Amino acid sequence: MKTIDLTRIREALPSGANVTLRKTDKGTPYLDVRIYPGLYVKGSKEEERDLEEVLQWHMDIIGKENIMEIDTQETGSRWNTYLKKQPYDFIGLQDKDVDSFTGLPITELATTKAV
């Protein structure tokens, strides 16, 4: 089983960027990555180099063999990394990751009984 460390992914991004673990309606896990305006100077050569470098780190941390597709939106300031359907151990989760992946607030998960 592949372990994906969300803390390492967050640390590889510029300070202030946001990563959230989500899943599609069909159950495919993906990472929603947003780099907010102001973290890069739009259109600069540094922005292009930095984004290429960040995407490379992102793929190295996850493992290219685990990535189904990277869908870049909004000129590189937002992208979704769709993972292949297989078992994963996600570590470094934040409450928002659990909420968005399960569809339940983490407080409800603690009180939900297994069926």
Protein backbone atom coordinates (compact mmCIF):
# COMPACT_ATOMS: atom_id res chain seq x y z
CA MET A 1 0.00 0.00 0.00
CA LYS A 2 1.37 3.40 -0.99
CA THR A 3 1.72 6.04 1.72
CA ILE A 4 1.07 9.65 0.69
CA ASP A 5 2.22 12.29 3.15
CA LEU A 6 0.06 15.39 2.79
CA THR A 7 2.36 17.30 5.14
CA ARG A 8 5.30 16.82 2.73
CA ILE A 9 3.12 17.92 -0.18
CA ARG A 10 2.03 21.05 1.69
CA GLU A 11 5.63 21.85 2.68
CA ALA A 12 6.75 21.62 -0.98
CA LEU A 13 4.29 24.34 -1.97
CA PRO A 14 4.74 28.07 -1.41
CA SER A 15 3.63 29.30 1.99
CA GLY A 16 -0.07 30.13 1.85
CA ALA A 17 -0.92 27.48 -0.74
CA ASN A 18 -3.77 25.11 0.01
CA VAL A 19 -4.05 21.33 -0.53
CA THR A 20 -7.23 19.36 0.18
CA LEU A 21 -7.82 15.63 -0.22
CA ARG A 22 -11.11 14.99 -2.00
CA LYS A 23 -12.79 12.27 -4.04
CA THR A 24 -14.91 12.34 -7.17
CA ASP A 25 -18.50 11.13 -7.33
CA LYS A 26 -17.09 7.81 -8.59
CA GLY A 27 -14.76 7.50 -5.61
CA THR A 28 -11.48 8.46 -7.30
CA PRO A 29 -9.22 10.20 -4.75
CA TYR A 30 -7.63 13.48 -5.81
CA LEU A 31 -5.72 16.39 -4.38
CA ASP A 32 -7.14 19.87 -4.96
CA VAL A 33 -4.15 22.26 -4.99
CA ARG A 34 -4.54 26.05 -4.99
CA ILE A 35 -1.73 28.57 -5.07
CA TYR A 36 -3.24 31.95 -4.32
CA PRO A 37 -2.53 35.13 -6.29
CA GLY A 38 0.37 37.10 -4.92
CA LEU A 39 2.53 34.06 -4.18
CA TYR A 40 3.99 34.40 -7.68
CA VAL A 41 4.31 37.34 -10.02
CA LYS A 42 1.92 36.45 -12.85
CA GLY A 43 3.60 35.77 -16.18
CA SER A 44 7.17 36.05 -14.89
CA LYS A 45 9.92 33.62 -15.85
CA GLU A 46 10.32 32.86 -12.13
CA GLU A 47 6.65 31.86 -11.96
CA GLU A 48 7.09 29.38 -14.81
CA ARG A 49 10.26 27.91 -13.30
CA ASP A 50 8.79 27.78 -9.80
CA LEU A 51 5.57 26.12 -10.96
CA GLU A 52 7.49 23.52 -12.95
CA GLU A 53 9.65 22.83 -9.91
CA VAL A 54 6.64 22.64 -7.57
CA LEU A 55 4.82 20.24 -9.93
CA GLN A 56 7.95 18.06 -10.13
CA TRP A 57 8.21 17.90 -6.31
CA HIS A 58 4.49 17.17 -6.16
CA MET A 59 4.85 14.21 -8.55
CA ASP A 60 8.00 12.95 -6.79
CA ILE A 61 6.31 12.95 -3.37
CA ILE A 62 3.16 11.18 -4.61
CA GLY A 63 5.00 8.90 -7.03
CA LYS A 64 4.37 9.22 -10.76
CA GLU A 65 3.18 5.60 -10.82
CA ASN A 66 0.27 6.58 -8.52
CA ILE A 67 -0.93 9.54 -10.59
CA MET A 68 -3.68 8.98 -13.13
CA GLU A 69 -3.85 12.60 -14.34
CA ILE A 70 -2.96 16.17 -13.38
CA ASP A 71 -5.62 18.63 -14.50
CA THR A 72 -4.21 22.18 -14.45
CA GLN A 73 -6.72 25.00 -14.19
CA GLU A 74 -6.42 28.78 -13.95
CA THR A 75 -2.98 29.07 -15.55
CA GLY A 76 -1.21 26.87 -13.03
CA SER A 77 -2.51 28.49 -9.86
CA ARG A 78 -4.88 25.58 -9.33
CA TRP A 79 -4.67 21.93 -10.26
CA ASN A 80 -6.21 18.58 -9.37
CA THR A 81 -4.03 15.50 -9.10
CA TYR A 82 -6.18 12.43 -9.71
CA LEU A 83 -4.79 9.26 -8.15
CA LYS A 84 -5.13 5.76 -9.50
CA LYS A 85 -7.78 3.70 -7.74
CA GLN A 86 -5.81 1.58 -5.30
CA PRO A 87 -5.36 1.46 -1.53
CA TYR A 88 -3.47 4.39 -0.01
CA ASP A 89 -2.37 5.34 3.45
CA PHE A 90 -2.79 9.10 3.75
CA ILE A 91 -0.78 10.65 6.57
CA GLY A 92 -0.61 14.27 7.65
CA LEU A 93 -4.37 14.70 7.21
CA GLN A 94 -6.08 17.84 8.42
CA ASP A 95 -9.72 18.00 9.54
CA LYS A 96 -10.71 19.59 6.20
CA ASP A 97 -9.26 16.55 4.37
CA VAL A 98 -11.34 14.12 6.40
CA ASP A 99 -14.46 16.29 5.99
CA SER A 100 -14.11 16.64 2.21
CA PHE A 101 -13.12 13.00 1.60
CA THR A 102 -15.79 11.35 3.75
CA GLY A 103 -18.51 13.98 3.35
CA LEU A 104 -18.93 14.09 7.13
CA PRO A 105 -17.57 16.56 9.65
CA ILE A 106 -14.86 14.92 11.74
CA THR A 107 -16.96 15.44 14.88
CA GLU A 108 -19.69 13.22 13.41
CA LEU A 109 -17.21 10.51 12.45
CA ALA A 110 -16.23 10.16 16.09
CA THR A 111 -19.83 9.40 17.04
CA THR A 112 -20.80 7.29 13.99
CA LYS A 113 -21.17 3.59 14.68
CA ALA A 114 -19.86 1.06 12.19
CA VAL A 115 -22.61 -0.95 10.50
